[in-house]
Protein backbone atom coordinates (compact mmCIF):
# COMPACT_ATOMS: atom_id res chain seq x y z
CA MET A 1 68.13 187.99 100.94
CA GLU A 2 67.46 191.38 100.42
CA LEU A 3 68.46 194.08 97.96
CA VAL A 4 69.77 197.27 99.46
CA HIS A 5 70.50 199.96 96.72
CA MET A 6 72.96 202.79 98.01
CA ARG A 7 74.23 206.05 95.90
CA MET A 8 76.97 208.20 96.97
CA TYR A 9 77.24 211.87 96.33
CA ARG A 10 79.85 214.37 96.22
CA LEU A 11 79.25 218.02 96.69
CA VAL A 12 80.08 220.49 93.98
CA ASP A 13 79.29 224.03 93.42
CA GLY A 14 76.59 223.84 96.37
CA LYS A 15 74.89 220.42 94.18
CA ASN A 16 74.75 217.05 95.31
CA LEU A 17 76.59 214.89 92.34
CA PRO A 18 76.29 211.28 91.83
CA ILE A 19 79.76 209.63 92.00
CA VAL A 20 79.04 205.69 92.80
CA GLU A 21 76.12 203.46 92.84
CA SER A 22 76.07 200.16 94.14
CA HIS A 23 73.71 197.39 94.79
CA VAL A 24 74.23 195.14 97.54
CA ILE A 25 72.36 191.92 98.43
CA TYR A 26 72.08 191.10 102.42
CA SER A 27 71.57 187.85 103.86
CA ASN A 28 69.68 187.14 106.77
CA SER A 29 72.57 186.62 108.92
CA GLY A 30 73.79 190.57 108.08
CA SER A 31 76.74 189.62 105.51
CA PHE A 32 76.41 191.11 102.55
CA GLN A 33 78.03 190.87 98.96
CA LEU A 34 78.39 193.35 96.50
CA THR A 35 76.93 192.23 92.93
CA ALA A 36 77.26 195.62 91.09
CA VAL A 37 79.14 198.99 91.12
CA SER A 38 78.62 201.83 88.10
CA THR A 39 81.19 204.67 88.67
CA ARG A 40 79.65 207.77 87.30
CA THR A 41 82.73 209.94 88.05
CA MET A 42 86.39 209.13 89.15
CA ILE A 43 86.38 209.82 92.79
CA ASN A 44 89.05 212.49 93.43
CA ARG A 45 88.05 214.37 96.39
CA THR A 46 86.35 213.44 99.68
CA ILE A 47 83.11 211.93 99.33
CA GLY A 48 80.41 214.18 100.44
CA THR A 49 76.97 212.55 101.71
CA MET A 50 75.55 209.14 101.43
CA GLU A 51 71.99 207.74 101.00
CA GLY A 52 71.14 204.37 102.05
CA GLN A 53 67.81 202.65 101.21
CA LYS A 54 66.83 199.04 101.66
CA HIS A 55 64.72 197.21 99.19
CA SER A 56 62.92 194.27 98.76
CA ASN A 57 61.43 194.32 95.20
CA ILE A 58 61.56 196.28 92.09
CA ASP A 59 59.07 198.10 90.06
CA THR A 60 58.50 196.60 86.77
CA HIS A 61 56.90 199.44 85.41
CA THR A 62 59.31 202.31 86.45
CA GLY A 63 62.51 200.15 87.21
CA GLU A 64 62.52 201.84 90.66
CA VAL A 65 63.48 199.77 93.41
CA GLN A 66 60.78 200.17 96.20
CA PRO A 67 61.89 200.52 100.05
CA THR A 68 60.80 198.37 102.80
CA ALA A 69 60.59 199.28 106.42
CA THR A 70 62.74 196.10 107.64
CA ASP A 71 66.11 197.31 109.23
CA VAL A 72 69.67 196.57 107.69
CA THR A 73 71.95 194.73 109.95
CA LEU A 74 75.63 195.07 109.12
CA ASN A 75 78.71 193.49 110.07
CA PRO A 76 81.55 195.38 111.77
CA THR A 77 83.46 195.99 108.62
CA SER A 78 80.35 197.79 107.14
CA GLU A 79 79.70 199.52 110.22
CA ALA A 80 83.16 201.20 110.44
CA PHE A 81 82.94 201.94 106.74
CA LEU A 82 79.91 203.82 107.38
CA LYS A 83 81.17 205.27 110.33
CA GLU A 84 84.07 206.69 108.40
CA TYR A 85 82.01 207.93 105.65
CA LYS A 86 79.79 210.08 108.25
CA ILE A 87 82.87 211.49 109.16
CA ARG A 88 84.06 212.53 106.02
CA SER A 89 80.55 213.78 105.30
CA SER A 90 80.56 216.21 108.09
CA LEU A 91 84.20 217.14 107.08
CA GLU A 92 82.88 218.08 103.75
CA ARG A 93 80.14 219.90 104.56
CA LEU A 94 82.17 222.08 107.07
CA ILE A 95 84.70 222.74 104.49
CA PHE A 96 82.17 223.97 101.87
CA HIS A 97 80.40 226.14 104.83
CA TYR A 98 83.93 227.84 106.02
CA ALA A 99 85.30 228.11 102.32
CA GLN A 100 82.15 230.39 101.16
CA ARG A 101 82.81 232.78 104.07
CA PRO A 102 83.45 236.47 102.87
CA LEU A 103 86.82 237.58 104.02
CA SER A 104 87.94 241.23 104.80
CA LYS A 105 91.58 241.54 103.71
CA PHE A 106 94.17 242.72 106.37
CA SER A 107 95.56 246.18 105.79
CA ILE A 108 98.69 247.92 107.61
CA GLN A 109 96.28 250.27 108.97
CA GLY A 110 94.06 247.48 110.23
CA LEU A 111 96.67 245.61 111.84
CA ILE A 112 97.95 249.04 113.85
CA GLU A 113 94.07 249.71 114.60
CA GLN A 114 94.20 246.25 116.36
CA SER A 115 97.45 246.88 118.39
CA GLU A 116 96.02 250.43 119.72
CA SER A 117 92.87 248.23 120.90
CA LEU A 118 94.59 246.12 122.84
CA SER A 119 93.12 245.21 126.17
CA PRO A 120 92.21 241.96 128.03
CA ASN A 121 88.61 242.24 126.77
CA PHE A 122 89.84 242.82 123.22
CA ILE A 123 92.45 239.82 122.91
CA LEU A 124 89.46 237.35 123.96
CA GLN A 125 87.37 238.71 121.11
CA ASN A 126 90.17 238.44 118.94
CA ALA A 127 90.97 235.01 119.71
CA GLN A 128 87.61 233.72 118.34
CA ASN A 129 88.15 236.03 115.27
CA THR A 130 91.54 234.71 114.39
CA VAL A 131 90.27 231.18 115.08
CA GLU A 132 87.33 231.85 112.37
CA TYR A 133 89.77 233.84 109.79
CA LEU A 134 91.87 230.86 109.82
CA LEU A 135 89.12 228.26 109.55
CA ALA A 136 87.83 229.90 106.63
CA TYR A 137 91.46 230.33 104.74
CA ASN A 138 92.15 226.97 105.68
CA ALA A 139 88.87 225.63 104.24
CA ARG A 140 89.76 227.37 101.12
CA ARG A 141 92.90 225.65 100.74
CA LEU A 142 91.57 222.28 101.13
CA ARG A 143 88.88 223.32 98.92
CA GLU A 144 91.69 224.12 96.00
CA PHE A 145 93.40 220.95 96.80
CA ARG A 146 90.53 219.27 95.93
CA ARG A 147 89.86 221.15 92.62
CA LEU A 148 93.10 219.71 91.00
CA PRO A 149 93.28 216.48 89.10
CA TYR A 150 93.08 213.26 91.34
CA LEU A 151 96.26 211.90 90.32
CA VAL A 152 98.14 215.18 91.35
CA VAL A 153 96.58 215.08 95.02
CA LEU A 154 97.23 211.17 95.14
CA ASN A 155 101.35 212.34 94.73
CA PRO A 156 102.62 211.41 98.11
CA SER A 157 104.57 214.67 98.63
CA VAL A 158 101.16 216.78 97.68
CA ALA A 159 99.11 214.66 99.75
CA GLU A 160 101.33 215.46 102.47
CA SER A 161 100.78 219.04 102.50
CA TYR A 162 97.00 218.29 101.83
CA ASN A 163 97.20 216.34 104.93
CA GLY A 164 98.43 219.27 106.96
CA TYR A 165 95.78 221.33 106.22
CA LEU A 166 93.27 218.56 107.26
CA ASN A 167 95.09 218.30 110.46
CA THR A 168 94.86 221.96 110.93
CA MET A 169 91.02 222.03 110.51
CA SER A 170 90.58 219.52 112.96
CA SER A 171 92.67 221.46 115.66
CA LEU A 172 90.84 224.75 114.30
CA ILE A 173 87.50 223.42 114.48
CA THR A 174 88.13 221.96 118.41
CA ALA A 175 89.28 225.80 119.43
CA SER A 176 86.65 227.24 117.92
CA LEU A 177 84.34 224.81 120.30
CA TYR A 178 86.41 225.92 123.31
CA PRO A 179 87.36 229.47 123.12
CA PRO A 180 89.53 231.02 125.45
CA ALA A 181 87.63 232.74 128.50
CA THR A 182 90.29 234.28 130.32
CA LEU A 183 94.06 235.54 129.68
CA GLU A 184 95.62 232.13 130.83
CA GLU A 185 93.30 230.61 128.50
CA ASN A 186 94.07 232.62 125.56
CA HIS A 187 98.20 232.43 126.31
CA ALA A 188 97.25 228.45 126.37
CA PHE A 189 95.35 229.09 122.97
CA ALA A 190 98.59 231.20 121.28
CA GLU A 191 100.97 228.77 122.61
CA LYS A 192 99.24 225.50 121.56
CA VAL A 193 97.11 226.22 118.63
CA LEU A 194 98.59 229.04 116.85
CA ASP A 195 102.18 227.82 117.38
CA GLU A 196 101.17 224.35 116.27
CA PHE A 197 99.58 225.89 113.39
CA ILE A 198 102.59 228.18 112.46
CA ASN A 199 105.08 225.08 112.53
CA ILE A 200 102.87 222.54 110.51
CA HIS A 201 102.97 224.97 107.68
CA SER A 202 106.35 226.39 107.95
CA ASP A 203 108.15 223.89 105.69
CA THR A 204 105.22 222.73 103.36
CA LEU A 205 106.96 224.61 100.12
CA PRO A 206 109.79 222.00 99.81
CA SER A 207 107.20 219.02 99.78
CA LEU A 208 104.96 221.15 97.54
CA SER A 209 107.37 221.97 94.89
CA ARG A 210 108.73 218.15 94.97
CA GLY A 211 105.46 216.90 94.37
CA PHE A 212 104.47 219.20 91.27
CA ASN A 213 107.74 218.77 89.84
CA GLU A 214 106.93 214.82 90.10
CA VAL A 215 103.27 215.61 88.46
CA LEU A 216 104.25 218.41 85.77
CA HIS A 217 102.96 215.48 83.29
CA LEU A 218 99.61 215.54 84.66
CA VAL A 219 98.61 219.27 85.11
CA SER A 220 99.83 222.19 82.68
CA THR A 221 102.12 224.70 84.16
CA ASP A 222 99.72 227.62 84.27
CA ARG A 223 97.29 225.88 86.23
CA ILE A 224 99.96 225.11 89.00
CA LYS A 225 101.05 228.57 88.89
CA GLN A 226 97.45 229.59 89.34
CA PHE A 227 97.03 227.21 92.19
CA LEU A 228 100.58 228.54 93.98
CA ASP A 229 99.82 232.09 93.70
CA GLU A 230 96.86 231.92 95.44
CA HIS A 231 98.37 229.13 98.07
CA LEU A 232 101.16 231.38 98.95
CA ARG A 233 99.19 234.35 98.94
CA GLU A 234 96.58 232.87 101.33
CA ARG A 235 99.35 230.99 103.26
CA ILE A 236 101.16 234.68 104.02
CA SER A 237 97.60 235.92 105.25
CA MET A 238 96.85 232.90 107.54
CA ARG A 239 100.77 233.21 109.03
CA LEU A 240 100.24 237.01 109.27
CA ILE A 241 97.08 236.48 111.37
CA ALA A 242 98.37 233.88 113.77
CA HIS A 243 101.51 236.07 114.31
CA GLN A 244 99.54 238.95 115.05
CA HIS A 245 97.19 237.62 117.68
CA ILE A 246 100.53 235.63 119.21
CA GLN A 247 102.43 239.01 119.25
CA LEU A 248 99.41 240.81 120.99
CA SER A 249 98.88 238.26 123.55
CA LYS A 250 102.79 238.28 124.39
CA ALA A 251 102.71 241.89 124.73
CA LEU A 252 99.48 241.83 127.00
CA LYS A 253 100.88 238.76 129.15
CA GLU A 254 104.40 240.36 129.88
CA GLY A 255 103.01 243.82 130.31
CA THR A 256 105.20 245.49 127.67
CA TYR A 257 102.51 246.92 125.55
CA VAL A 258 101.54 250.36 125.22
CA LYS A 259 98.04 251.55 125.88
CA GLY A 260 96.68 252.96 122.37
CA GLY A 261 100.21 252.24 120.81
CA LYS A 262 100.60 251.48 117.27
CA TYR A 263 103.36 248.75 117.47
CA ASN A 264 101.87 246.42 119.78
CA GLY A 265 101.74 243.72 117.37
CA VAL A 266 103.67 242.66 114.25
CA ILE A 267 103.93 246.14 112.95
CA LYS A 268 107.09 247.79 114.27
CA GLU A 269 108.85 251.07 113.51
CA LEU A 270 112.01 249.40 111.83
CA ASP A 271 115.69 250.88 111.69
CA ILE A 272 115.98 249.86 107.83
CA TYR A 273 119.62 250.39 107.87
CA SER A 274 119.94 247.83 110.81
CA VAL A 275 117.31 245.37 108.94
CA ILE A 276 119.51 245.44 105.88
CA LYS A 277 122.71 245.00 107.44
CA LYS A 278 121.37 242.07 109.62
CA ASN A 279 120.04 240.08 106.53
CA ALA A 280 123.33 241.04 104.53
CA GLU A 281 125.43 239.19 107.43
CA VAL A 282 122.84 236.30 107.34
CA VAL A 283 123.20 235.86 103.71
CA ASN A 284 127.44 236.39 103.87
CA ASP A 285 127.42 233.38 106.73
CA ILE A 286 125.96 231.27 104.06
CA CYS A 287 128.04 232.24 101.20
CA LEU A 288 131.00 231.63 103.74
CA MET A 289 130.11 228.05 104.17
CA LYS A 290 129.22 227.48 100.76
CA TYR A 291 131.78 229.43 98.79
CA ASP A 292 134.03 230.52 101.69
CA GLN A 293 133.58 234.15 100.37
CA ALA A 294 131.69 237.24 101.35
CA VAL A 295 130.00 240.08 99.87
CA GLU A 296 130.75 243.83 100.99
CA ILE A 297 127.67 245.90 100.95
CA ARG A 298 127.32 249.57 100.73
CA VAL A 299 124.20 251.70 102.06
CA ASP A 300 122.84 255.02 101.33
CA ASN A 301 119.97 257.00 101.44
CA ASN A 302 119.73 259.48 98.37
CA LEU A 303 117.59 257.89 95.95
CA TYR A 304 114.73 260.45 96.46
CA SER A 305 113.99 263.25 98.67
CA ASN A 306 111.61 262.22 101.62
CA THR A 307 108.91 264.27 99.71
CA TYR A 308 109.40 263.02 96.30
CA TRP A 309 106.04 261.00 95.94
CA SER A 310 103.77 263.85 97.54
CA ARG A 311 105.39 266.18 94.94
CA ALA A 312 105.89 268.63 98.21
CA GLU A 313 108.59 271.05 98.42
CA PRO A 314 111.98 269.19 99.14
CA ASP A 315 113.60 269.72 102.53
CA LEU A 316 116.90 271.33 101.65
CA LYS A 317 118.28 270.57 105.14
CA ALA A 318 121.28 267.93 104.67
CA SER A 319 120.70 264.66 106.83
CA LYS A 320 123.59 263.14 108.75
CA LYS A 321 124.83 259.91 107.49
CA SER A 322 124.14 258.78 111.15
CA ASP A 323 120.50 259.53 110.85
CA LYS A 324 118.28 256.65 111.24
CA VAL A 325 116.03 255.61 108.39
CA LEU A 326 112.69 254.38 110.31
CA PHE A 327 109.57 252.58 108.63
CA PRO A 328 106.89 250.69 110.36
CA TYR A 329 106.32 247.43 108.88
CA ILE A 330 106.33 243.60 109.58
CA GLU A 331 110.41 242.62 110.09
CA TYR A 332 110.12 239.00 109.08
CA HIS A 333 108.47 239.94 105.96
CA LEU A 334 111.12 242.40 105.07
CA ASP A 335 113.89 239.58 106.53
CA TYR A 336 112.57 237.26 103.76
CA MET A 337 112.45 239.57 101.01
CA LEU A 338 116.00 240.86 101.66
CA THR A 339 117.19 237.76 102.04
CA GLU A 340 116.46 236.06 99.29
CA LEU A 341 117.22 239.24 97.13
CA PHE A 342 120.83 239.21 98.68
CA LYS A 343 121.33 235.51 98.04
CA ASN A 344 120.87 236.18 94.04
CA SER A 345 123.17 239.15 94.15
CA PHE A 346 125.88 237.81 96.43
CA ARG A 347 125.75 234.57 94.52
CA ALA A 348 126.22 236.52 91.08
CA HIS A 349 129.16 238.84 92.51
CA ILE A 350 131.22 235.49 93.81
CA GLU A 351 130.65 233.23 90.89
CA ASN A 352 131.44 236.06 88.53
CA LYS A 353 134.50 237.20 90.43
CA VAL A 354 133.27 240.87 91.09
CA HIS A 355 135.25 242.49 94.00
CA GLU A 356 133.13 245.35 94.25
CA PRO A 357 130.47 246.03 96.87
CA VAL A 358 126.69 245.43 96.14
CA ASN A 359 125.17 249.02 96.42
CA VAL A 360 121.92 249.38 98.57
CA THR A 361 119.99 252.60 98.50
CA VAL A 362 117.15 253.25 100.66
CA SER A 363 114.41 256.13 100.11
CA VAL A 364 111.56 256.92 102.63
CA SER A 365 108.76 259.35 101.91
CA HIS A 366 106.63 260.87 104.51
CA SER A 367 103.61 261.55 102.64
CA PRO A 368 102.48 258.90 101.75
CA LEU A 369 104.56 256.86 103.90
CA TYR A 370 106.49 254.95 101.54
CA LEU A 371 109.74 252.84 101.47
CA GLU A 372 111.69 252.01 98.20
CA VAL A 373 115.14 249.83 98.46
CA ARG A 374 117.33 249.38 95.57
CA ILE A 375 119.77 246.85 95.37
CA ARG A 376 122.38 247.07 92.72
CA ASP A 377 124.88 244.32 91.71
CA ARG A 378 127.52 244.08 88.89
CA GLY A 379 126.95 240.33 88.30
CA LYS A 380 127.05 240.34 84.68
CA GLY A 381 123.50 240.63 84.37
CA ILE A 382 120.45 238.54 83.40
CA PRO A 383 120.03 237.15 79.45
CA PRO A 384 116.82 238.70 78.13
CA ALA A 385 115.36 235.41 77.23
CA VAL A 386 115.63 234.46 81.03
CA LEU A 387 114.51 238.47 82.70
CA LYS A 388 110.77 237.74 81.25
CA HIS A 389 110.66 234.38 83.33
CA MET A 390 112.11 235.89 86.74
CA PHE A 391 108.99 235.63 88.60
CA ASP A 392 107.98 232.14 87.34
CA TYR A 393 108.04 229.14 89.61
CA SER A 394 111.19 226.80 89.10
CA PHE A 395 110.44 223.09 90.25
CA SER A 396 113.84 221.71 90.15
CA THR A 397 117.07 222.94 92.45
CA TYR A 398 120.18 224.41 91.77
CA GLU A 399 122.03 221.53 92.26
CA SER A 400 120.26 219.64 89.36
CA GLN A 401 120.88 222.19 86.78
CA GLU A 402 123.34 224.61 85.45
CA GLY A 403 125.09 227.05 88.21
CA GLU A 404 124.59 230.41 86.29
CA ALA A 405 124.30 233.42 88.80
CA TYR A 406 121.21 234.53 87.11
CA LYS A 407 119.00 231.87 88.33
CA THR A 408 116.37 232.42 90.98
CA LEU A 409 117.33 229.85 93.55
CA ASN A 410 116.05 230.11 97.03
CA GLN A 411 115.02 228.45 99.85
CA PRO A 412 111.63 228.56 101.00
CA PRO A 413 110.78 230.17 104.92
CA GLY A 414 111.15 227.75 107.34
CA LEU A 415 114.19 225.97 106.30
CA GLY A 416 116.46 228.24 108.14
CA GLY A 417 117.58 229.85 105.13
CA ASN A 418 120.90 227.76 105.19
CA THR A 419 121.47 227.32 101.78
CA VAL A 420 122.35 229.61 98.49
CA ALA A 421 120.14 227.44 96.16
CA GLY A 422 116.85 226.21 96.87
CA MET A 423 113.12 225.44 95.62
CA GLY A 424 113.15 228.18 92.85
CA TYR A 425 109.96 229.95 94.79
CA GLY A 426 112.23 232.84 96.35
CA LEU A 427 111.17 236.00 93.95
CA PRO A 428 107.63 234.86 93.25
CA LEU A 429 107.32 234.31 96.61
CA SER A 430 108.80 237.61 97.64
CA LYS A 431 106.50 239.46 95.08
CA ASN A 432 103.29 237.84 96.89
CA TYR A 433 104.85 239.43 100.38
CA ILE A 434 105.22 242.66 98.95
CA GLU A 435 101.86 242.73 97.19
CA ILE A 436 100.08 241.50 100.15
CA PHE A 437 98.30 244.61 101.32
CA ASN A 438 97.94 246.19 97.50
CA ASP A 439 94.11 245.60 97.97
CA THR A 440 93.66 247.57 100.87
CA ILE A 441 95.88 250.76 99.78
CA PRO A 442 93.41 253.53 100.12
CA LYS A 443 92.12 254.96 96.59
CA ASP A 444 93.04 258.69 97.54
CA LEU A 445 96.84 257.26 97.54
CA ASP A 446 96.44 255.09 94.45
CA VAL A 447 96.26 258.33 92.03
CA GLU A 448 95.94 257.86 88.33
CA ASN A 449 98.66 259.75 87.40
CA ASP A 450 101.06 257.82 89.66
CA ALA A 451 99.38 254.48 89.30
CA GLY A 452 101.84 251.74 90.72
CA ARG A 453 104.02 253.91 92.46
CA VAL A 454 102.29 253.86 95.55
CA LYS A 455 101.84 250.32 95.86
CA GLY A 456 103.86 247.65 96.91
CA SER A 457 106.03 245.98 94.21
CA LEU A 458 109.13 244.30 93.34
CA THR A 459 110.69 245.01 89.74
CA ILE A 460 113.66 244.11 88.15
CA GLN A 461 115.97 246.02 85.61
CA SER A 462 119.12 243.90 83.93
CA TYR A 463 121.81 244.82 81.53
CA HIS A 464 123.14 241.56 80.53
CA GLY A 465 126.67 241.49 80.70
CA TRP A 466 126.74 244.23 83.29
CA GLY A 467 124.63 244.12 86.29
CA THR A 468 121.18 244.14 87.68
CA ASP A 469 118.77 246.67 89.82
CA VAL A 470 115.82 245.37 91.77
CA TYR A 471 113.24 247.60 93.14
CA LEU A 472 111.89 246.66 96.52
CA LYS A 473 108.82 249.27 97.05
CA THR A 474 106.35 248.93 99.67
CA VAL A 475 103.81 251.33 101.68
CA GLY A 476 103.63 252.21 105.26
CA SER A 477 100.40 253.10 107.34
């Protein structure tokens, strides 16, 4: 019979902290019996490393167990345990390694520069860069999940989202070991790895929302808000990186790219009128299914002149109604935001029996390139007590609460937008979408006198009993 002392550690802020100590007595046959376990800290994340030392006696002066040179024979159960431990230990170190990597933020100009550089050699290098970026973002998300209280992560719905990131980590690590070396391999990488990544994370928000609703008694609302703000911002960045490489690869493969062109990737020169009308039709289809009613919209473009933000002399030449309003941006970002805003306005009109159209006013500036969309409804407005909480997360669905038209109830991306009510993430997620590039706007555009004007923003002005104006502002390249 011999004594083995094992200590398990967790990696926290770069330091190995002991979590569990155990004393195991081994018999000559290789079987073992656990005689004592002391838990120093509740284990709420994957354990990092494990040290095993075999001992034959204990120093009576120091109390330290002295190691011997005899090997320990483990039975199949304990061998499987140690094998699993090694895997988890390696994963912990990988997560820590990638989560510490500094990341430069993506800007609209940066995305356009990638488009202008598109070539066979560029796309192969960009595939490697894409994997490295996604690994770093994915590791950061796993790290933040592990910083949540233990019982929160144990919640099945939260764990479902967490496991999705674990599976993604495995897929990305494999992709980093075998980067594409040919255009055919890059096409397979875009279709298999990146499309799979987008699909895995396309519908995690409902599960996460349900999970946080179930653990509100275990963690503060402020802590959840902090987690979700960062989670949604980085989720948007991850999906943007993946979509950019997929679009560039598709343009190169199909031969539709323009050499040196700005719009080979996710940035496209959009006809804003068409985008607005398309999303209004989508929301009206939903309203017809739910309410058997549709809401008319009226679109105009006389909010500001196209030189308003630059303070230049205005162009006095009248524009024709048939003129297109073009603006370079990411279409699926605008689609999501406009859909969520129209859901609120249309529902307010229907539930308050307002028969006037919702007014949408568009303004585009050219120096700097800047877009503002105002959505004005007559849906009776928002009570002052509620207005200050419009960008807070709601963890309950519309069907379980009152039907007041001001409530922010929207469906997260990935569910097809087939309902007017949803998880209560619509406005806060839209705000994250519109602010995603704010940290990369050149300083010469962010002038002190116009602070906030040339940055992306989503603001609400409401007169209770009358209606609501929502202002969507964003900067182009």
